[in-house]
Amino acid sequence: MTKLRITQVRSQIGQTERHRGTLRALGLGRIGRTTEREASPETLGMLRKVRHLVKVEDA
């Protein structure tokens, strides 16, 4: 599978609890924090939920 580099670019303040939980599950929580994940269907679904808060690149 392909790797994705996920960077949080917007604050979680003012977001719903579900969005904040999704960011935590992805290993994020602060602006500028980056993590690498496999592009599984579960990860892609989480990214779709918080696409307005993160930037996704191929790793």
Protein backbone atom coordinates (compact mmCIF):
# COMPACT_ATOMS: atom_id res chain seq x y z
CA MET A 1 0.00 0.00 0.00
CA THR A 2 1.01 3.58 -0.46
CA LYS A 3 2.09 5.78 2.46
CA LEU A 4 0.47 9.14 3.15
CA ARG A 5 2.04 12.07 4.96
CA ILE A 6 -0.69 13.86 6.94
CA THR A 7 -0.12 17.33 8.40
CA GLN A 8 -2.59 19.26 10.52
CA VAL A 9 -2.94 22.79 9.13
CA ARG A 10 -5.97 24.15 11.00
CA SER A 11 -6.97 24.24 14.65
CA GLN A 12 -9.37 21.76 16.21
CA ILE A 13 -10.89 24.51 18.36
CA GLY A 14 -14.55 24.93 17.46
CA GLN A 15 -14.78 21.52 15.78
CA THR A 16 -17.11 18.76 16.88
CA GLU A 17 -16.00 16.11 19.34
CA ARG A 18 -16.03 13.54 16.51
CA HIS A 19 -13.58 15.62 14.47
CA ARG A 20 -11.28 16.08 17.47
CA GLY A 21 -11.40 12.33 18.13
CA THR A 22 -10.58 11.58 14.51
CA LEU A 23 -7.54 13.85 14.68
CA ARG A 24 -6.38 12.07 17.85
CA ALA A 25 -6.85 8.68 16.17
CA LEU A 26 -4.68 9.87 13.28
CA GLY A 27 -1.95 10.89 15.73
CA LEU A 28 -2.48 14.63 15.31
CA GLY A 29 -3.70 17.33 17.68
CA ARG A 30 -1.52 20.38 17.10
CA ILE A 31 -1.09 22.57 14.06
CA GLY A 32 2.05 21.55 12.18
CA ARG A 33 2.19 18.02 13.56
CA THR A 34 2.85 15.40 10.87
CA THR A 35 2.32 11.66 10.78
CA GLU A 36 2.67 8.93 8.16
CA ARG A 37 -0.03 6.32 7.62
CA GLU A 38 -0.82 3.54 5.18
CA ALA A 39 -3.58 4.43 2.70
CA SER A 40 -6.10 1.88 3.98
CA PRO A 41 -9.88 2.33 3.54
CA GLU A 42 -10.17 3.15 7.26
CA THR A 43 -7.53 5.86 7.10
CA LEU A 44 -9.01 7.35 3.93
CA GLY A 45 -12.42 7.51 5.62
CA MET A 46 -10.96 9.34 8.61
CA LEU A 47 -9.19 11.79 6.30
CA ARG A 48 -12.44 12.45 4.46
CA LYS A 49 -14.04 13.48 7.78
CA VAL A 50 -11.33 16.03 8.64
CA ARG A 51 -10.19 17.07 5.15
CA HIS A 52 -10.76 20.74 6.02
CA LEU A 53 -8.20 20.50 8.88
CA VAL A 54 -5.35 18.53 7.27
CA LYS A 55 -3.04 18.47 4.28
CA VAL A 56 -2.33 15.07 2.69
CA GLU A 57 0.70 14.24 0.54
CA ASP A 58 2.25 11.03 -0.80
CA ALA A 59 5.21 9.93 1.30
